[in-house]
Amino acid sequence: MKAHCEDVAQHLAVIGRNLNKSVFEMKKRRMMRRFRL
């Protein structure tokens, strides 16, 4: 059971990292668009 919990925690960490990355990319794109104007 403990191993399963660690697996889930690791999985959530990966998902969180990917979400942060995509949010960062969106913000970066928005900033670039703003600077272009």
PDB file of N, CA and C in Angstrom:
ATOM      1  N   MET A   1       0.838  -1.210   0.000  1.00  0.00           N
ATOM      2  CA  MET A   1       0.000   0.000   0.000  1.00  0.00           C
ATOM      3  C   MET A   1       0.866   1.250   0.000  1.00  0.00           C
ATOM      4  N   LYS A   2       1.933   1.207   0.801  1.00  0.00           N
ATOM      5  CA  LYS A   2       2.797   2.383   0.877  1.00  0.00           C
ATOM      6  C   LYS A   2       3.445   2.668  -0.480  1.00  0.00           C
ATOM      7  N   ALA A   3       3.869   1.596  -1.158  1.00  0.00           N
ATOM      8  CA  ALA A   3       4.489   1.771  -2.472  1.00  0.00           C
ATOM      9  C   ALA A   3       3.493   2.416  -3.438  1.00  0.00           C
ATOM     10  N   HIS A   4       2.230   2.000  -3.333  1.00  0.00           N
ATOM     11  CA  HIS A   4       1.196   2.557  -4.208  1.00  0.00           C
ATOM     12  C   HIS A   4       1.048   4.059  -3.950  1.00  0.00           C
ATOM     13  N   CYS A   5       1.054   4.455  -2.677  1.00  0.00           N
ATOM     14  CA  CYS A   5       0.931   5.876  -2.328  1.00  0.00           C
ATOM     15  C   CYS A   5       2.098   6.667  -2.914  1.00  0.00           C
ATOM     16  N   GLU A   6       3.287   6.103  -2.827  1.00  0.00           N
ATOM     17  CA  GLU A   6       4.460   6.796  -3.379  1.00  0.00           C
ATOM     18  C   GLU A   6       4.336   6.928  -4.892  1.00  0.00           C
ATOM     19  N   ASP A   7       3.802   5.871  -5.531  1.00  0.00           N
ATOM     20  CA  ASP A   7       3.586   5.910  -6.978  1.00  0.00           C
ATOM     21  C   ASP A   7       2.649   7.054  -7.349  1.00  0.00           C
ATOM     22  N   VAL A   8       1.541   7.147  -6.614  1.00  0.00           N
ATOM     23  CA  VAL A   8       0.553   8.198  -6.895  1.00  0.00           C
ATOM     24  C   VAL A   8       1.167   9.575  -6.673  1.00  0.00           C
ATOM     25  N   ALA A   9       1.936   9.729  -5.600  1.00  0.00           N
ATOM     26  CA  ALA A   9       2.565  11.018  -5.312  1.00  0.00           C
ATOM     27  C   ALA A   9       3.511  11.413  -6.442  1.00  0.00           C
ATOM     28  N   GLN A  10       4.280  10.441  -6.927  1.00  0.00           N
ATOM     29  CA  GLN A  10       5.219  10.724  -8.022  1.00  0.00           C
ATOM     30  C   GLN A  10       4.448  11.127  -9.277  1.00  0.00           C
ATOM     31  N   HIS A  11       3.360  10.406  -9.554  1.00  0.00           N
ATOM     32  CA  HIS A  11       2.539  10.689 -10.727  1.00  0.00           C
ATOM     33  C   HIS A  11       1.971  12.109 -10.650  1.00  0.00           C
ATOM     34  N   LEU A  12       1.460  12.483  -9.471  1.00  0.00           N
ATOM     35  CA  LEU A  12       0.904  13.828  -9.289  1.00  0.00           C
ATOM     36  C   LEU A  12       1.988  14.880  -9.465  1.00  0.00           C
ATOM     37  N   ALA A  13       3.196  14.583  -8.991  1.00  0.00           N
ATOM     38  CA  ALA A  13       4.300  15.535  -9.133  1.00  0.00           C
ATOM     39  C   ALA A  13       4.602  15.769 -10.608  1.00  0.00           C
ATOM     40  N   VAL A  14       4.592  14.692 -11.401  1.00  0.00           N
ATOM     41  CA  VAL A  14       4.859  14.824 -12.843  1.00  0.00           C
ATOM     42  C   VAL A  14       3.762  15.649 -13.503  1.00  0.00           C
ATOM     43  N   ILE A  15       2.503  15.361 -13.149  1.00  0.00           N
ATOM     44  CA  ILE A  15       1.379  16.116 -13.721  1.00  0.00           C
ATOM     45  C   ILE A  15       1.507  17.596 -13.352  1.00  0.00           C
ATOM     46  N   GLY A  16       1.831  17.871 -12.086  1.00  0.00           N
ATOM     47  CA  GLY A  16       1.978  19.253 -11.642  1.00  0.00           C
ATOM     48  C   GLY A  16       3.075  19.972 -12.409  1.00  0.00           C
ATOM     49  N   ARG A  17       4.182  19.276 -12.635  1.00  0.00           N
ATOM     50  CA  ARG A  17       5.292  19.885 -13.365  1.00  0.00           C
ATOM     51  C   ARG A  17       4.865  20.224 -14.788  1.00  0.00           C
ATOM     52  N   ASN A  18       4.144  19.294 -15.431  1.00  0.00           N
ATOM     53  CA  ASN A  18       3.694  19.530 -16.800  1.00  0.00           C
ATOM     54  C   ASN A  18       2.708  20.695 -16.850  1.00  0.00           C
ATOM     55  N   LEU A  19       1.810  20.774 -15.861  1.00  0.00           N
ATOM     56  CA  LEU A  19       0.850  21.880 -15.823  1.00  0.00           C
ATOM     57  C   LEU A  19       1.585  23.203 -15.667  1.00  0.00           C
ATOM     58  N   ASN A  20       2.560  23.243 -14.750  1.00  0.00           N
ATOM     59  CA  ASN A  20       3.325  24.469 -14.546  1.00  0.00           C
ATOM     60  C   ASN A  20       4.034  24.865 -15.832  1.00  0.00           C
ATOM     61  N   LYS A  21       4.573  23.880 -16.547  1.00  0.00           N
ATOM     62  CA  LYS A  21       5.295  24.159 -17.782  1.00  0.00           C
ATOM     63  C   LYS A  21       4.361  24.770 -18.817  1.00  0.00           C
ATOM     64  N   SER A  22       3.160  24.191 -18.980  1.00  0.00           N
ATOM     65  CA  SER A  22       2.228  24.689 -19.985  1.00  0.00           C
ATOM     66  C   SER A  22       1.732  26.081 -19.609  1.00  0.00           C
ATOM     67  N   VAL A  23       1.487  26.316 -18.323  1.00  0.00           N
ATOM     68  CA  VAL A  23       1.045  27.644 -17.876  1.00  0.00           C
ATOM     69  C   VAL A  23       2.149  28.662 -18.139  1.00  0.00           C
ATOM     70  N   PHE A  24       3.399  28.270 -17.853  1.00  0.00           N
ATOM     71  CA  PHE A  24       4.530  29.165 -18.089  1.00  0.00           C
ATOM     72  C   PHE A  24       4.650  29.499 -19.573  1.00  0.00           C
ATOM     73  N   GLU A  25       4.462  28.497 -20.435  1.00  0.00           N
ATOM     74  CA  GLU A  25       4.534  28.732 -21.881  1.00  0.00           C
ATOM     75  C   GLU A  25       3.440  29.704 -22.314  1.00  0.00           C
ATOM     76  N   MET A  26       2.228  29.535 -21.776  1.00  0.00           N
ATOM     77  CA  MET A  26       1.134  30.440 -22.126  1.00  0.00           C
ATOM     78  C   MET A  26       1.468  31.868 -21.721  1.00  0.00           C
ATOM     79  N   LYS A  27       1.986  32.039 -20.498  1.00  0.00           N
ATOM     80  CA  LYS A  27       2.335  33.377 -20.023  1.00  0.00           C
ATOM     81  C   LYS A  27       3.437  33.979 -20.886  1.00  0.00           C
ATOM     82  N   LYS A  28       4.425  33.145 -21.244  1.00  0.00           N
ATOM     83  CA  LYS A  28       5.540  33.629 -22.054  1.00  0.00           C
ATOM     84  C   LYS A  28       5.029  34.102 -23.410  1.00  0.00           C
ATOM     85  N   ARG A  29       4.116  33.306 -24.004  1.00  0.00           N
ATOM     86  CA  ARG A  29       3.571  33.672 -25.305  1.00  0.00           C
ATOM     87  C   ARG A  29       2.821  34.993 -25.215  1.00  0.00           C
ATOM     88  N   ARG A  30       2.049  35.155 -24.128  1.00  0.00           N
ATOM     89  CA  ARG A  30       1.273  36.378 -23.936  1.00  0.00           C
ATOM     90  C   ARG A  30       2.212  37.576 -23.805  1.00  0.00           C
ATOM     91  N   MET A  31       3.298  37.382 -23.039  1.00  0.00           N
ATOM     92  CA  MET A  31       4.258  38.471 -22.851  1.00  0.00           C
ATOM     93  C   MET A  31       4.924  38.833 -24.178  1.00  0.00           C
ATOM     94  N   MET A  32       5.301  37.826 -24.957  1.00  0.00           N
ATOM     95  CA  MET A  32       5.942  38.090 -26.247  1.00  0.00           C
ATOM     96  C   MET A  32       4.998  38.873 -27.149  1.00  0.00           C
ATOM     97  N   ARG A  33       3.719  38.502 -27.138  1.00  0.00           N
ATOM     98  CA  ARG A  33       2.738  39.193 -27.970  1.00  0.00           C
ATOM     99  C   ARG A  33       2.640  40.649 -27.535  1.00  0.00           C
ATOM    100  N   ARG A  34       2.678  40.870 -26.210  1.00  0.00           N
ATOM    101  CA  ARG A  34       2.561  42.222 -25.681  1.00  0.00           C
ATOM    102  C   ARG A  34       3.774  43.061 -26.093  1.00  0.00           C
ATOM    103  N   PHE A  35       4.965  42.444 -26.050  1.00  0.00           N
ATOM    104  CA  PHE A  35       6.176  43.192 -26.395  1.00  0.00           C
ATOM    105  C   PHE A  35       6.220  43.516 -27.887  1.00  0.00           C
ATOM    106  N   ARG A  36       5.586  42.676 -28.690  1.00  0.00           N
ATOM    107  CA  ARG A  36       5.609  42.883 -30.132  1.00  0.00           C
ATOM    108  C   ARG A  36       4.838  44.147 -30.510  1.00  0.00           C
ATOM    109  N   LEU A  37       3.814  44.465 -29.721  1.00  0.00           N
ATOM    110  CA  LEU A  37       2.958  45.606 -30.070  1.00  0.00           C
ATOM    111  C   LEU A  37       3.647  46.948 -29.945  1.00  0.00           C
TER     112      LEU A  37
END
